[in-house]
Structure formats: structure tokens, C-alpha cells
Amino acid sequence: MIRHIVFFSARDKEDVEAVRTGLLTLGKIPHSRFFEVTLNTKVDPLSDEIDVVVYAEFEDETALAAYKAHPLYAKTTSQVRPLRELRYSADVVAAASGRNA
């Protein structure tokens, strides 16, 4: 399983909700096993520049590639990109047990 985690900050703090709402559209793409968009709670003061987090799970790299190739992905990206300042992304292979102990 691939965990896809993307962190965003809004260029203008008044656009945080527009960024979140725009990214929610990606949940309509059928290739993920799990998909959510949440606001950063900003409990950790070292991560207060991040406003919105996308977390999704994909069966494998093929499913993730199909998600990124979907027309709705390109459309959403073009709508959200002008509103965002930062975008950090990580795709990680999940351990079979869910623990790296």
C-alpha cells in the first residue's frame, strides 16, 4: 500500500478554506482506498506554516499513477495552485503490519 501525504499552505490566509474545498474534489477520483483533506490543527508550533493536509491510500504505484493521470486531478491542481504558497508531498510504502518496530 502507498500512503500519499501532501501538505499545503495558502498564499493568503483568507484562502485556506478555498484550498481545502478545492482539494476535496480530488476525493471524487476513484483510485484511492482512503482519501481525506483536513486542516492542520497547528498544535505543533514548528508546523504552523502548513494549513491543509491531504492523506490518501492507494493499493499500489499503478493506482497512484492512475489517480494523478485522472482529468479531475489536473483540473483541481490548476484551480488550487494559484491559491497556495507551499506544497510538500511524500509517497511512502506502508509496512505490512502498520508498524516499523
C-alpha atoms as a PDB file:
ATOM      1  CA  MET A   1       0.000   0.000   0.000  1.00  0.00           C
ATOM      2  CA  ILE A   2       1.163   3.537  -0.829  1.00  0.00           C
ATOM      3  CA  ARG A   3       0.454   6.380   1.568  1.00  0.00           C
ATOM      4  CA  HIS A   4       0.222   9.710  -0.256  1.00  0.00           C
ATOM      5  CA  ILE A   5       0.601  12.713   2.052  1.00  0.00           C
ATOM      6  CA  VAL A   6       0.596  16.292   0.784  1.00  0.00           C
ATOM      7  CA  PHE A   7       0.980  19.461   2.840  1.00  0.00           C
ATOM      8  CA  PHE A   8      -0.221  22.860   1.611  1.00  0.00           C
ATOM      9  CA  SER A   9      -0.061  26.426   2.806  1.00  0.00           C
ATOM     10  CA  ALA A  10      -2.303  29.117   1.416  1.00  0.00           C
ATOM     11  CA  ARG A  11      -0.692  32.162  -0.173  1.00  0.00           C
ATOM     12  CA  ASP A  12      -3.309  34.325   1.587  1.00  0.00           C
ATOM     13  CA  LYS A  13      -4.691  33.014   4.887  1.00  0.00           C
ATOM     14  CA  GLU A  14      -8.172  34.071   3.751  1.00  0.00           C
ATOM     15  CA  ASP A  15      -7.918  31.359   1.057  1.00  0.00           C
ATOM     16  CA  VAL A  16      -7.292  28.405   3.390  1.00  0.00           C
ATOM     17  CA  GLU A  17     -10.904  27.224   3.142  1.00  0.00           C
ATOM     18  CA  ALA A  18     -10.886  27.633  -0.654  1.00  0.00           C
ATOM     19  CA  VAL A  19      -7.746  25.466  -0.821  1.00  0.00           C
ATOM     20  CA  ARG A  20      -9.351  22.818   1.405  1.00  0.00           C
ATOM     21  CA  THR A  21     -12.603  22.856  -0.546  1.00  0.00           C
ATOM     22  CA  GLY A  22     -10.783  22.654  -3.863  1.00  0.00           C
ATOM     23  CA  LEU A  23      -8.692  19.698  -2.711  1.00  0.00           C
ATOM     24  CA  LEU A  24     -11.786  17.842  -1.502  1.00  0.00           C
ATOM     25  CA  THR A  25     -12.708  17.473  -5.175  1.00  0.00           C
ATOM     26  CA  LEU A  26      -9.834  15.007  -5.548  1.00  0.00           C
ATOM     27  CA  GLY A  27     -11.814  12.569  -3.403  1.00  0.00           C
ATOM     28  CA  LYS A  28     -14.105  12.011  -6.393  1.00  0.00           C
ATOM     29  CA  ILE A  29     -11.260  10.289  -8.241  1.00  0.00           C
ATOM     30  CA  PRO A  30     -11.944   6.547  -7.867  1.00  0.00           C
ATOM     31  CA  HIS A  31      -8.420   5.122  -7.460  1.00  0.00           C
ATOM     32  CA  SER A  32      -7.797   5.662  -3.734  1.00  0.00           C
ATOM     33  CA  ARG A  33      -8.687   3.198  -0.981  1.00  0.00           C
ATOM     34  CA  PHE A  34      -8.923   6.040   1.528  1.00  0.00           C
ATOM     35  CA  PHE A  35      -8.964   9.805   0.999  1.00  0.00           C
ATOM     36  CA  GLU A  36      -9.262  12.796   3.314  1.00  0.00           C
ATOM     37  CA  VAL A  37      -8.492  16.506   3.365  1.00  0.00           C
ATOM     38  CA  THR A  38      -8.074  18.147   6.756  1.00  0.00           C
ATOM     39  CA  LEU A  39      -6.995  21.422   8.233  1.00  0.00           C
ATOM     40  CA  ASN A  40      -3.740  21.408  10.196  1.00  0.00           C
ATOM     41  CA  THR A  41      -4.582  21.798  13.888  1.00  0.00           C
ATOM     42  CA  LYS A  42      -1.292  23.683  14.338  1.00  0.00           C
ATOM     43  CA  VAL A  43      -0.742  22.156  17.780  1.00  0.00           C
ATOM     44  CA  ASP A  44       2.961  21.844  16.977  1.00  0.00           C
ATOM     45  CA  PRO A  45       4.406  25.356  16.656  1.00  0.00           C
ATOM     46  CA  LEU A  46       7.106  24.070  14.300  1.00  0.00           C
ATOM     47  CA  SER A  47       4.492  23.199  11.672  1.00  0.00           C
ATOM     48  CA  ASP A  48       2.286  26.258  11.813  1.00  0.00           C
ATOM     49  CA  GLU A  49       3.025  27.235   8.193  1.00  0.00           C
ATOM     50  CA  ILE A  50       1.069  24.209   6.921  1.00  0.00           C
ATOM     51  CA  ASP A  51      -2.658  24.889   6.531  1.00  0.00           C
ATOM     52  CA  VAL A  52      -4.149  21.854   4.762  1.00  0.00           C
ATOM     53  CA  VAL A  53      -3.175  18.174   4.608  1.00  0.00           C
ATOM     54  CA  VAL A  54      -4.253  15.609   2.009  1.00  0.00           C
ATOM     55  CA  TYR A  55      -3.902  11.989   3.084  1.00  0.00           C
ATOM     56  CA  ALA A  56      -4.736   9.144   0.725  1.00  0.00           C
ATOM     57  CA  GLU A  57      -4.003   5.447   0.490  1.00  0.00           C
ATOM     58  CA  PHE A  58      -3.526   3.544  -2.750  1.00  0.00           C
ATOM     59  CA  GLU A  59      -3.261  -0.166  -3.418  1.00  0.00           C
ATOM     60  CA  ASP A  60      -0.011   0.289  -5.333  1.00  0.00           C
ATOM     61  CA  GLU A  61       2.004   2.636  -7.538  1.00  0.00           C
ATOM     62  CA  THR A  62      -0.263   1.876 -10.500  1.00  0.00           C
ATOM     63  CA  ALA A  63      -3.332   3.122  -8.617  1.00  0.00           C
ATOM     64  CA  LEU A  64      -1.458   6.257  -7.507  1.00  0.00           C
ATOM     65  CA  ALA A  65      -0.342   6.922 -11.089  1.00  0.00           C
ATOM     66  CA  ALA A  66      -3.927   6.463 -12.345  1.00  0.00           C
ATOM     67  CA  TYR A  67      -5.124   8.948  -9.698  1.00  0.00           C
ATOM     68  CA  LYS A  68      -2.573  11.541 -10.821  1.00  0.00           C
ATOM     69  CA  ALA A  69      -3.431  10.928 -14.502  1.00  0.00           C
ATOM     70  CA  HIS A  70      -7.169  11.458 -13.968  1.00  0.00           C
ATOM     71  CA  PRO A  71      -8.516  14.633 -15.660  1.00  0.00           C
ATOM     72  CA  LEU A  72     -10.024  15.852 -12.379  1.00  0.00           C
ATOM     73  CA  TYR A  73      -6.535  15.853 -10.824  1.00  0.00           C
ATOM     74  CA  ALA A  74      -5.226  18.278 -13.467  1.00  0.00           C
ATOM     75  CA  LYS A  75      -8.331  20.451 -13.206  1.00  0.00           C
ATOM     76  CA  THR A  76      -8.122  20.652  -9.419  1.00  0.00           C
ATOM     77  CA  THR A  77      -4.396  21.360  -9.500  1.00  0.00           C
ATOM     78  CA  SER A  78      -4.923  24.268 -11.893  1.00  0.00           C
ATOM     79  CA  GLN A  79      -7.583  25.737  -9.572  1.00  0.00           C
ATOM     80  CA  VAL A  80      -5.668  25.299  -6.299  1.00  0.00           C
ATOM     81  CA  ARG A  81      -2.139  26.163  -7.489  1.00  0.00           C
ATOM     82  CA  PRO A  82      -2.731  29.965  -7.644  1.00  0.00           C
ATOM     83  CA  LEU A  83      -4.053  29.908  -4.061  1.00  0.00           C
ATOM     84  CA  ARG A  84      -1.174  28.020  -2.484  1.00  0.00           C
ATOM     85  CA  GLU A  85       2.265  29.056  -1.350  1.00  0.00           C
ATOM     86  CA  LEU A  86       3.883  25.756  -0.318  1.00  0.00           C
ATOM     87  CA  ARG A  87       3.268  22.180  -1.394  1.00  0.00           C
ATOM     88  CA  TYR A  88       5.211  19.276   0.086  1.00  0.00           C
ATOM     89  CA  SER A  89       4.431  15.736  -0.971  1.00  0.00           C
ATOM     90  CA  ALA A  90       5.532  12.303   0.196  1.00  0.00           C
ATOM     91  CA  ASP A  91       4.604   8.883  -1.133  1.00  0.00           C
ATOM     92  CA  VAL A  92       5.627   6.067   1.196  1.00  0.00           C
ATOM     93  CA  VAL A  93       5.197   2.324   1.126  1.00  0.00           C
ATOM     94  CA  ALA A  94       3.342   1.239   4.246  1.00  0.00           C
ATOM     95  CA  ALA A  95       4.802  -1.537   6.363  1.00  0.00           C
ATOM     96  CA  ALA A  96       2.739  -4.718   6.123  1.00  0.00           C
ATOM     97  CA  SER A  97       1.876  -4.654   9.835  1.00  0.00           C
ATOM     98  CA  GLY A  98       1.424  -0.909  10.008  1.00  0.00           C
ATOM     99  CA  ARG A  99       4.338  -0.694  12.466  1.00  0.00           C
ATOM    100  CA  ASN A 100       8.056  -0.276  11.892  1.00  0.00           C
ATOM    101  CA  ALA A 101       9.058  -1.747  15.247  1.00  0.00           C
END
